[in-house]
Amino acid sequence: MHGKGRMTWADGTYYNGGFVNGKTEGHGTRTYPNGDKITGQFKNDKKHGPAMLYKASEEREMQVEYKNDVLVKT
């Protein structure tokens, strides 16, 4: 897949946003089965850069930053 689209994984997680060569890339939103959402930048299938994280269990949203799929700033 290349461009914009949606991908769903077997566990129910889904992603809407950009793709390059079948990998999540650019701006998008990943939604998890528990209701958590991450909207921000993705690079090579990993969360990378500034993002908004919505924690469904806490009903709150926070600005965060990821580097190579690791949360580095809350």
C-alpha atoms as a PDB file:
ATOM      1  CA  MET A   1       0.000   0.000   0.000  1.00  0.00           C
ATOM      2  CA  HIS A   2       1.222   3.478  -0.832  1.00  0.00           C
ATOM      3  CA  GLY A   3      -0.591   6.733  -0.055  1.00  0.00           C
ATOM      4  CA  LYS A   4      -3.457   7.003   2.428  1.00  0.00           C
ATOM      5  CA  GLY A   5      -5.537   4.120   3.687  1.00  0.00           C
ATOM      6  CA  ARG A   6      -6.586   1.903   6.561  1.00  0.00           C
ATOM      7  CA  MET A   7      -4.986  -1.247   7.942  1.00  0.00           C
ATOM      8  CA  THR A   8      -6.474  -3.568  10.565  1.00  0.00           C
ATOM      9  CA  TRP A   9      -4.463  -6.095  12.573  1.00  0.00           C
ATOM     10  CA  ALA A  10      -5.699  -9.448  13.908  1.00  0.00           C
ATOM     11  CA  ASP A  11      -5.967  -8.094  17.484  1.00  0.00           C
ATOM     12  CA  GLY A  12      -8.438  -5.393  16.364  1.00  0.00           C
ATOM     13  CA  THR A  13      -5.937  -2.523  16.276  1.00  0.00           C
ATOM     14  CA  TYR A  14      -6.401  -0.339  13.228  1.00  0.00           C
ATOM     15  CA  TYR A  15      -4.571   2.547  11.586  1.00  0.00           C
ATOM     16  CA  ASN A  16      -5.859   5.312   9.325  1.00  0.00           C
ATOM     17  CA  GLY A  17      -3.280   7.459   7.605  1.00  0.00           C
ATOM     18  CA  GLY A  18      -0.251   7.466   5.389  1.00  0.00           C
ATOM     19  CA  PHE A  19       1.638   4.476   4.040  1.00  0.00           C
ATOM     20  CA  VAL A  20       4.883   4.041   2.125  1.00  0.00           C
ATOM     21  CA  ASN A  21       5.662   0.603   0.693  1.00  0.00           C
ATOM     22  CA  GLY A  22       3.048  -1.013   2.946  1.00  0.00           C
ATOM     23  CA  LYS A  23       4.357   0.521   6.170  1.00  0.00           C
ATOM     24  CA  THR A  24       2.734   3.227   8.293  1.00  0.00           C
ATOM     25  CA  GLU A  25       4.455   6.500   7.418  1.00  0.00           C
ATOM     26  CA  GLY A  26       3.603  10.154   7.965  1.00  0.00           C
ATOM     27  CA  HIS A  27       0.521  11.416   9.784  1.00  0.00           C
ATOM     28  CA  GLY A  28      -2.070   8.951  11.015  1.00  0.00           C
ATOM     29  CA  THR A  29      -4.148   7.579  13.863  1.00  0.00           C
ATOM     30  CA  ARG A  30      -3.692   4.167  15.448  1.00  0.00           C
ATOM     31  CA  THR A  31      -6.649   2.941  17.519  1.00  0.00           C
ATOM     32  CA  TYR A  32      -6.336   0.027  19.935  1.00  0.00           C
ATOM     33  CA  PRO A  33      -9.073  -2.428  21.022  1.00  0.00           C
ATOM     34  CA  ASN A  34      -9.172  -0.887  24.524  1.00  0.00           C
ATOM     35  CA  GLY A  35     -10.110   2.512  23.009  1.00  0.00           C
ATOM     36  CA  ASP A  36      -6.692   4.167  23.338  1.00  0.00           C
ATOM     37  CA  LYS A  37      -5.681   6.276  20.309  1.00  0.00           C
ATOM     38  CA  ILE A  38      -2.451   7.796  19.091  1.00  0.00           C
ATOM     39  CA  THR A  39      -2.647  10.551  16.486  1.00  0.00           C
ATOM     40  CA  GLY A  40       0.648  11.815  15.166  1.00  0.00           C
ATOM     41  CA  GLN A  41       3.675  10.913  13.109  1.00  0.00           C
ATOM     42  CA  PHE A  42       4.735   7.418  12.102  1.00  0.00           C
ATOM     43  CA  LYS A  43       7.939   6.317  10.431  1.00  0.00           C
ATOM     44  CA  ASN A  44       8.708   2.839   9.099  1.00  0.00           C
ATOM     45  CA  ASP A  45       5.769   1.266  11.039  1.00  0.00           C
ATOM     46  CA  LYS A  46       6.806   2.957  14.303  1.00  0.00           C
ATOM     47  CA  LYS A  47       5.453   5.888  16.294  1.00  0.00           C
ATOM     48  CA  HIS A  48       7.990   8.647  15.754  1.00  0.00           C
ATOM     49  CA  GLY A  49       7.628  12.333  16.620  1.00  0.00           C
ATOM     50  CA  PRO A  50       4.996  14.465  18.341  1.00  0.00           C
ATOM     51  CA  ALA A  51       1.594  12.874  18.963  1.00  0.00           C
ATOM     52  CA  MET A  52      -1.644  13.175  20.891  1.00  0.00           C
ATOM     53  CA  LEU A  53      -2.332  10.161  23.075  1.00  0.00           C
ATOM     54  CA  TYR A  54      -5.897   9.480  24.212  1.00  0.00           C
ATOM     55  CA  LYS A  55      -6.114   7.134  27.216  1.00  0.00           C
ATOM     56  CA  ALA A  56      -9.638   5.701  27.193  1.00  0.00           C
ATOM     57  CA  SER A  57      -9.422   4.253  30.719  1.00  0.00           C
ATOM     58  CA  GLU A  58      -8.623   7.729  32.095  1.00  0.00           C
ATOM     59  CA  GLU A  59     -10.774   9.651  29.596  1.00  0.00           C
ATOM     60  CA  ARG A  60      -7.951  12.102  28.986  1.00  0.00           C
ATOM     61  CA  GLU A  61      -5.739  13.257  26.159  1.00  0.00           C
ATOM     62  CA  MET A  62      -2.112  14.299  26.451  1.00  0.00           C
ATOM     63  CA  GLN A  63       0.615  15.566  24.186  1.00  0.00           C
ATOM     64  CA  VAL A  64       3.513  13.114  23.934  1.00  0.00           C
ATOM     65  CA  GLU A  65       6.526  12.357  21.789  1.00  0.00           C
ATOM     66  CA  TYR A  66       7.885   9.057  20.499  1.00  0.00           C
ATOM     67  CA  LYS A  67      11.242   8.112  19.069  1.00  0.00           C
ATOM     68  CA  ASN A  68      11.420   4.797  17.207  1.00  0.00           C
ATOM     69  CA  ASP A  69       8.247   3.559  18.971  1.00  0.00           C
ATOM     70  CA  VAL A  70       9.531   4.516  22.454  1.00  0.00           C
ATOM     71  CA  LEU A  71       7.706   7.150  24.508  1.00  0.00           C
ATOM     72  CA  VAL A  72      10.287   9.842  25.269  1.00  0.00           C
ATOM     73  CA  LYS A  73       8.145  12.766  26.456  1.00  0.00           C
ATOM     74  CA  THR A  74       4.833  13.054  28.285  1.00  0.00           C
END
